[in-house]
């Protein structure tokens, strides 16, 4: 039996990790979500072409050439989904949070579950995106350990000649100058039009550089040493180098005590930087394709979410409960791998 002290006052405390919406997730800056009316993650791409027009001369025939071909890429999407049940016992004992005896309705119980379900869905999408972007491959297993979702691409890669942890000799600016040169051959801008995503730990290593032949030798407009995020980006802009975006978010694995900070998994690992180049047309490097879902009306692509109150379902037998379903079918696709550079600096 619980005995409530008369002088006690209950209040609702926010959980340690607050649900993050799409607008705060950097993955959607690189791979925006798009619905595709297909059961595959697929796309077509014309082969690269270039070269110089052939010389002909007066009265000579035009020489025939074979045009660039088209390749089709596809793979099977991941099929994801979970359900939450509020059974008879939960309904009977339900009370509103931070109260002693205010009875909660099914709607009161469903609302936080919907937030949790949406967060877990977005976490899965973000996991798939970053895994593929940074590692060149994605392998997702189900609860039985069977691999059920696989994707891959071949990213451009760059390894820093001097680790950024070697602060006295590191050359972060030179690293960005090196990859800047890889833009034109790949049809994009790896200079000031590009964005370099890294976590705070990696950024702190970068600005810890004491090499006066590199970042430590740069000065602000007032001739002071460059310090901090804004000043660093100003230096990069003047040099025609990528703009830095610090992204420190991640997720808590299932079953892990959220009070243990050592278990938090960041989307971008320490020592990894991914640079998204800017294509001439502004086209993104890829997308996260939401494929058709037979659970939706007309098998429409996109998110599936449904709440069923079994007390309102004809023919359903008691005891009644409420169930929430949330899922999606889809996967990331990289249409322009030449627009992405994965840097290893540790």
Protein backbone atom coordinates (compact mmCIF):
# COMPACT_ATOMS: atom_id res chain seq x y z
CA UNK A 1 0.00 0.00 0.00
CA UNK A 2 1.24 3.47 -0.89
CA UNK A 3 0.96 6.17 1.75
CA UNK A 4 1.17 9.71 0.41
CA UNK A 5 2.52 12.31 2.88
CA UNK A 6 -0.07 15.05 3.18
CA UNK A 7 2.49 17.79 2.66
CA UNK A 8 3.91 16.28 -0.53
CA UNK A 9 3.39 17.97 -3.90
CA UNK A 10 3.66 15.99 -7.09
CA UNK A 11 4.88 17.49 -10.34
CA UNK A 12 5.63 16.10 -13.79
CA UNK A 13 9.35 15.96 -14.48
CA UNK A 14 10.53 15.99 -18.07
CA UNK A 15 12.50 12.96 -19.16
CA UNK A 16 16.20 13.32 -19.71
CA UNK A 17 16.02 13.03 -23.49
CA UNK A 18 13.27 15.15 -25.01
CA UNK A 19 11.68 13.94 -28.24
CA UNK A 20 13.23 15.60 -31.27
CA UNK A 21 11.18 16.43 -34.34
CA UNK A 22 12.26 16.35 -37.96
CA UNK A 23 13.24 20.01 -38.03
CA UNK A 24 16.10 19.47 -35.56
CA UNK A 25 17.56 16.36 -37.22
CA UNK A 26 20.49 17.09 -39.52
CA UNK A 27 20.02 13.89 -41.51
CA UNK A 28 17.02 15.44 -43.25
CA UNK A 29 19.19 18.30 -44.49
CA UNK A 30 21.12 15.70 -46.50
CA UNK A 31 18.45 13.04 -47.11
CA UNK A 32 14.97 14.59 -47.05
CA UNK A 33 12.02 12.21 -46.74
CA UNK A 34 9.99 11.68 -49.91
CA UNK A 35 7.09 9.32 -50.57
CA UNK A 36 7.52 7.01 -53.57
CA UNK A 37 4.65 4.94 -55.00
CA UNK A 38 6.75 1.81 -55.44
CA UNK A 39 7.64 -1.29 -53.45
CA UNK A 40 11.37 -0.78 -54.03
CA UNK A 41 13.89 1.92 -53.20
CA UNK A 42 14.86 2.64 -56.79
CA UNK A 43 16.19 5.32 -59.10
CA UNK A 44 17.71 5.75 -62.54
CA UNK A 45 20.82 7.71 -63.40
CA UNK A 46 22.43 8.64 -66.69
CA UNK A 47 26.05 7.64 -67.05
CA UNK A 48 28.68 10.35 -66.75
CA UNK A 49 29.66 12.03 -69.99
CA UNK A 50 32.29 14.53 -71.00
CA UNK A 51 35.17 14.80 -73.42
CA UNK A 52 35.68 17.18 -76.31
CA UNK A 53 33.69 17.46 -79.52
CA UNK A 54 35.54 15.85 -82.42
CA UNK A 55 37.07 17.99 -85.16
CA UNK A 56 35.35 17.54 -88.55
CA UNK A 57 36.61 20.06 -91.12
CA UNK A 58 34.64 21.37 -94.10
CA UNK A 59 32.88 18.83 -96.34
CA UNK A 60 33.63 15.94 -94.00
CA UNK A 61 30.90 13.87 -92.38
CA UNK A 62 29.72 14.36 -88.82
CA UNK A 63 31.13 11.49 -86.83
CA UNK A 64 28.60 9.39 -84.95
CA UNK A 65 28.89 8.87 -81.23
CA UNK A 66 27.14 6.58 -78.78
CA UNK A 67 25.25 8.58 -76.19
CA UNK A 68 25.63 8.05 -72.46
CA UNK A 69 23.58 5.16 -71.11
CA UNK A 70 21.22 4.93 -68.16
CA UNK A 71 21.66 2.68 -65.14
CA UNK A 72 18.90 1.58 -62.79
CA UNK A 73 19.56 1.03 -59.11
CA UNK A 74 17.22 -0.60 -56.63
CA UNK A 75 17.01 -2.58 -53.42
CA UNK A 76 14.27 -3.83 -51.15
CA UNK A 77 13.16 -1.41 -48.45
CA UNK A 78 13.24 -2.01 -44.74
CA UNK A 79 9.86 -2.95 -43.25
CA UNK A 80 9.57 -1.39 -39.81
CA UNK A 81 6.82 -1.20 -37.23
CA UNK A 82 5.90 -1.52 -33.56
CA UNK A 83 2.74 -1.63 -31.46
CA UNK A 84 1.89 -0.53 -27.94
CA UNK A 85 -0.96 -2.05 -25.92
CA UNK A 86 -2.98 -0.49 -23.13
CA UNK A 87 -4.78 -3.46 -21.60
CA UNK A 88 -7.70 -3.71 -19.19
CA UNK A 89 -5.50 -3.52 -16.10
CA UNK A 90 -3.67 -0.42 -17.27
CA UNK A 91 -6.96 1.27 -18.08
CA UNK A 92 -8.36 0.41 -14.66
CA UNK A 93 -5.33 1.73 -12.76
CA UNK A 94 -4.58 4.69 -14.98
CA UNK A 95 -4.23 8.09 -13.37
CA UNK A 96 -3.02 11.36 -14.78
CA UNK A 97 0.66 11.99 -14.27
CA UNK A 98 1.58 14.11 -11.23
CA UNK A 99 -1.81 13.49 -9.60
CA UNK A 100 -2.90 11.01 -6.91
CA UNK A 101 -6.40 10.17 -7.97
CA UNK A 102 -7.34 11.98 -11.20
CA UNK A 103 -8.44 9.17 -13.48
CA UNK A 104 -6.73 9.08 -16.87
CA UNK A 105 -8.58 8.35 -20.07
CA UNK A 106 -7.33 6.17 -22.89
CA UNK A 107 -6.48 9.37 -24.77
CA UNK A 108 -4.29 10.52 -21.85
CA UNK A 109 -2.36 7.25 -22.08
CA UNK A 110 -2.08 7.18 -25.86
CA UNK A 111 -0.65 10.69 -26.29
CA UNK A 112 2.79 9.99 -24.72
CA UNK A 113 2.94 6.63 -26.49
CA UNK A 114 2.44 8.36 -29.84
CA UNK A 115 5.33 10.72 -29.05
CA UNK A 116 7.50 7.75 -28.12
CA UNK A 117 6.53 5.85 -31.27
CA UNK A 118 7.26 8.83 -33.53
CA UNK A 119 10.62 9.42 -31.86
CA UNK A 120 11.64 5.79 -32.28
CA UNK A 121 10.55 5.86 -35.93
CA UNK A 122 12.60 8.99 -36.63
CA UNK A 123 15.52 7.46 -34.72
CA UNK A 124 15.38 4.41 -36.99
CA UNK A 125 15.28 6.57 -40.12
CA UNK A 126 18.17 8.67 -38.87
CA UNK A 127 20.16 5.58 -37.91
CA UNK A 128 19.74 4.13 -41.40
CA UNK A 129 20.74 7.42 -43.00
CA UNK A 130 23.90 8.04 -41.01
CA UNK A 131 25.03 4.42 -41.13
CA UNK A 132 24.84 4.41 -44.92
CA UNK A 133 26.34 7.88 -45.38
CA UNK A 134 29.31 7.40 -43.07
CA UNK A 135 30.11 3.72 -43.58
CA UNK A 136 29.01 3.08 -47.15
CA UNK A 137 26.80 0.21 -46.02
CA UNK A 138 23.73 -0.48 -43.92
CA UNK A 139 22.77 -3.78 -42.31
CA UNK A 140 19.75 -3.98 -40.00
CA UNK A 141 18.82 -7.18 -38.14
CA UNK A 142 15.45 -8.11 -36.66
CA UNK A 143 14.86 -9.38 -33.12
CA UNK A 144 15.95 -12.88 -34.15
CA UNK A 145 19.30 -11.60 -35.45
CA UNK A 146 18.39 -12.03 -39.12
CA UNK A 147 19.60 -9.27 -41.45
CA UNK A 148 16.45 -7.87 -43.07
CA UNK A 149 17.54 -4.52 -44.52
CA UNK A 150 20.73 -4.01 -46.55
CA UNK A 151 21.94 -1.03 -48.59
CA UNK A 152 25.31 0.19 -49.79
CA UNK A 153 27.10 2.82 -51.85
CA UNK A 154 30.71 3.83 -52.43
CA UNK A 155 31.46 7.14 -50.71
CA UNK A 156 34.39 9.41 -51.45
CA UNK A 157 36.83 9.14 -48.55
CA UNK A 158 39.67 11.21 -47.17
CA UNK A 159 42.08 10.44 -44.32
CA UNK A 160 43.85 13.30 -42.59
CA UNK A 161 47.62 13.00 -43.12
CA UNK A 162 48.10 14.24 -39.54
CA UNK A 163 45.55 13.29 -36.89
CA UNK A 164 43.66 16.25 -35.46
CA UNK A 165 44.48 14.93 -31.98
CA UNK A 166 48.12 15.84 -32.71
CA UNK A 167 47.31 19.48 -32.06
CA UNK A 168 50.86 20.81 -32.49
CA UNK A 169 51.15 19.49 -36.05
CA UNK A 170 47.56 19.00 -37.22
CA UNK A 171 46.39 20.78 -40.37
CA UNK A 172 42.59 20.95 -40.40
CA UNK A 173 42.52 23.81 -42.90
CA UNK A 174 44.79 21.88 -45.23
CA UNK A 175 42.44 18.89 -44.97
CA UNK A 176 39.54 21.02 -46.14
CA UNK A 177 41.70 22.52 -48.91
CA UNK A 178 42.53 18.99 -50.07
CA UNK A 179 38.91 17.94 -50.40
CA UNK A 180 38.00 21.30 -51.95
CA UNK A 181 39.98 20.16 -54.98
CA UNK A 182 37.81 17.06 -55.34
CA UNK A 183 34.69 19.09 -56.11
CA UNK A 184 35.05 19.81 -59.85
CA UNK A 185 35.86 16.21 -60.86
CA UNK A 186 32.69 15.09 -59.05
CA UNK A 187 30.35 17.79 -60.36
CA UNK A 188 29.90 19.64 -57.07
CA UNK A 189 31.36 22.35 -54.87
CA UNK A 190 33.34 21.15 -51.86
CA UNK A 191 34.25 24.74 -51.09
CA UNK A 192 32.20 27.51 -49.49
CA UNK A 193 28.96 26.03 -50.83
CA UNK A 194 29.53 22.78 -48.91
CA UNK A 195 28.60 21.84 -45.35
CA UNK A 196 30.84 19.79 -43.05
CA UNK A 197 28.97 17.86 -40.33
CA UNK A 198 30.90 16.80 -37.22
CA UNK A 199 30.24 16.35 -33.52
CA UNK A 200 31.44 18.71 -30.80
CA UNK A 201 34.36 16.48 -29.76
CA UNK A 202 35.79 16.53 -33.29
CA UNK A 203 35.26 20.28 -33.59
CA UNK A 204 37.03 20.88 -30.27
CA UNK A 205 40.02 18.94 -31.58
CA UNK A 206 40.00 21.04 -34.73
CA UNK A 207 40.12 24.38 -32.89
CA UNK A 208 42.75 23.02 -30.47
CA UNK A 209 45.23 23.16 -33.34
CA UNK A 210 48.37 25.08 -32.28
CA UNK A 211 50.11 24.78 -35.64
CA UNK A 212 50.82 28.37 -36.74
CA UNK A 213 51.13 27.16 -40.33
CA UNK A 214 47.47 26.23 -40.25
CA UNK A 215 44.45 27.31 -38.18
CA UNK A 216 46.49 28.65 -35.24
CA UNK A 217 48.16 31.12 -37.60
CA UNK A 218 44.89 32.74 -38.63
CA UNK A 219 43.67 35.95 -37.01
CA UNK A 220 40.30 37.64 -36.64
CA UNK A 221 39.61 41.12 -38.03
CA UNK A 222 40.93 42.48 -34.73
CA UNK A 223 44.13 40.41 -35.08
CA UNK A 224 43.14 38.18 -32.19
CA UNK A 225 43.61 34.40 -32.27
CA UNK A 226 40.73 32.54 -33.86
CA UNK A 227 38.58 30.99 -31.16
CA UNK A 228 35.15 29.43 -31.16
CA UNK A 229 32.60 28.31 -33.69
CA UNK A 230 31.63 31.56 -35.37
CA UNK A 231 35.19 32.77 -35.86
CA UNK A 232 36.25 29.41 -37.27
CA UNK A 233 33.45 29.49 -39.83
CA UNK A 234 34.43 33.04 -40.80
CA UNK A 235 37.98 31.82 -41.50
CA UNK A 236 36.65 28.94 -43.58
CA UNK A 237 34.37 31.27 -45.54
CA UNK A 238 37.27 33.61 -46.38
CA UNK A 239 39.29 30.60 -47.52
CA UNK A 240 36.41 29.31 -49.68
CA UNK A 241 36.10 26.18 -47.53
CA UNK A 242 33.06 24.28 -46.21
CA UNK A 243 30.83 25.71 -43.52
CA UNK A 244 30.88 23.64 -40.31
CA UNK A 245 27.69 22.39 -38.68
CA UNK A 246 28.09 20.78 -35.27
CA UNK A 247 25.68 17.91 -34.74
CA UNK A 248 25.91 16.18 -31.38
CA UNK A 249 22.66 14.23 -31.32
CA UNK A 250 22.24 10.46 -31.03
CA UNK A 251 20.11 7.85 -29.32
CA UNK A 252 19.86 5.65 -26.24
CA UNK A 253 19.95 1.93 -27.13
CA UNK A 254 17.01 -0.20 -25.99
CA UNK A 255 17.25 -1.45 -22.43
CA UNK A 256 20.08 0.89 -21.47
CA UNK A 257 19.86 2.95 -18.29
CA UNK A 258 19.51 6.51 -19.55
CA UNK A 259 21.42 7.71 -16.47
CA UNK A 260 24.62 6.19 -17.84
CA UNK A 261 26.11 8.75 -20.27
CA UNK A 262 28.69 6.24 -21.48
CA UNK A 263 25.97 4.36 -23.34
CA UNK A 264 24.71 7.28 -25.44
CA UNK A 265 25.43 6.68 -29.14
CA UNK A 266 26.05 9.74 -31.29
CA UNK A 267 24.97 9.63 -34.92
CA UNK A 268 28.35 11.01 -36.03
CA UNK A 269 31.23 9.24 -34.32
CA UNK A 270 34.27 11.02 -32.91
CA UNK A 271 36.82 11.71 -35.62
CA UNK A 272 34.34 11.47 -38.50
CA UNK A 273 33.33 14.41 -40.69
CA UNK A 274 30.92 14.15 -43.59
CA UNK A 275 30.98 16.94 -46.13
CA UNK A 276 27.97 17.45 -48.35
CA UNK A 277 29.03 19.24 -51.51
CA UNK A 278 26.73 21.62 -53.36
CA UNK A 279 25.62 20.54 -56.81
CA UNK A 280 25.21 23.25 -59.52
CA UNK A 281 21.43 22.76 -59.57
CA UNK A 282 21.13 22.59 -55.78
CA UNK A 283 20.00 18.94 -56.01
CA UNK A 284 20.44 16.97 -52.80
CA UNK A 285 22.77 13.98 -52.70
CA UNK A 286 19.87 11.63 -52.02
CA UNK A 287 16.75 11.06 -50.00
CA UNK A 288 15.02 8.70 -47.60
CA UNK A 289 12.39 6.99 -49.73
CA UNK A 290 9.11 6.00 -48.08
CA UNK A 291 7.74 3.14 -50.18
CA UNK A 292 4.21 1.77 -50.45
CA UNK A 293 2.69 0.39 -47.27
CA UNK A 294 -0.22 -2.08 -47.64
CA UNK A 295 -1.41 -1.09 -44.16
CA UNK A 296 -2.30 2.38 -45.48
CA UNK A 297 -5.50 3.01 -47.47
CA UNK A 298 -4.78 2.18 -51.10
CA UNK A 299 -1.30 0.94 -50.08
CA UNK A 300 -0.17 4.57 -50.09
CA UNK A 301 3.51 5.25 -49.33
CA UNK A 302 4.45 6.96 -46.11
CA UNK A 303 4.02 6.55 -42.39
CA UNK A 304 1.44 4.15 -41.00
CA UNK A 305 -0.04 5.03 -37.63
CA UNK A 306 -3.33 3.84 -36.19
CA UNK A 307 -5.03 3.67 -32.80
CA UNK A 308 -7.65 0.93 -32.26
CA UNK A 309 -10.05 1.08 -29.31
CA UNK A 310 -11.33 -2.48 -29.23
CA UNK A 311 -14.41 -1.46 -27.22
CA UNK A 312 -15.69 0.20 -30.41
CA UNK A 313 -14.83 -2.65 -32.79
CA UNK A 314 -17.94 -4.68 -33.76
CA UNK A 315 -17.54 -8.31 -32.77
CA UNK A 316 -14.55 -7.72 -30.49
CA UNK A 317 -14.84 -9.63 -27.23
CA UNK A 318 -13.94 -8.25 -23.80
CA UNK A 319 -11.72 -7.62 -21.98
CA UNK A 320 -11.20 -4.51 -24.08
CA UNK A 321 -8.02 -2.54 -24.55
CA UNK A 322 -6.46 0.09 -26.80
CA UNK A 323 -3.59 -0.50 -29.19
CA UNK A 324 -1.30 1.89 -31.05
CA UNK A 325 0.46 0.84 -34.27
CA UNK A 326 3.29 2.83 -35.89
CA UNK A 327 5.52 1.86 -38.80
CA UNK A 328 6.98 2.69 -42.16
CA UNK A 329 8.55 0.98 -45.17
CA UNK A 330 11.54 2.54 -46.84
CA UNK A 331 15.25 3.22 -46.88
CA UNK A 332 17.93 5.77 -47.82
CA UNK A 333 19.08 6.16 -51.39
CA UNK A 334 22.22 7.98 -52.52
CA UNK A 335 21.76 9.32 -56.04
CA UNK A 336 24.94 11.43 -56.19
CA UNK A 337 27.69 9.71 -54.16
CA UNK A 338 30.21 12.14 -55.63
CA UNK A 339 28.55 14.89 -53.59
CA UNK A 340 29.56 13.27 -50.29
CA UNK A 341 33.02 13.13 -48.76
CA UNK A 342 33.66 11.11 -45.58
CA UNK A 343 36.67 12.39 -43.67
CA UNK A 344 38.54 10.40 -41.03
CA UNK A 345 40.59 12.73 -38.85
CA UNK A 346 41.37 10.52 -35.81
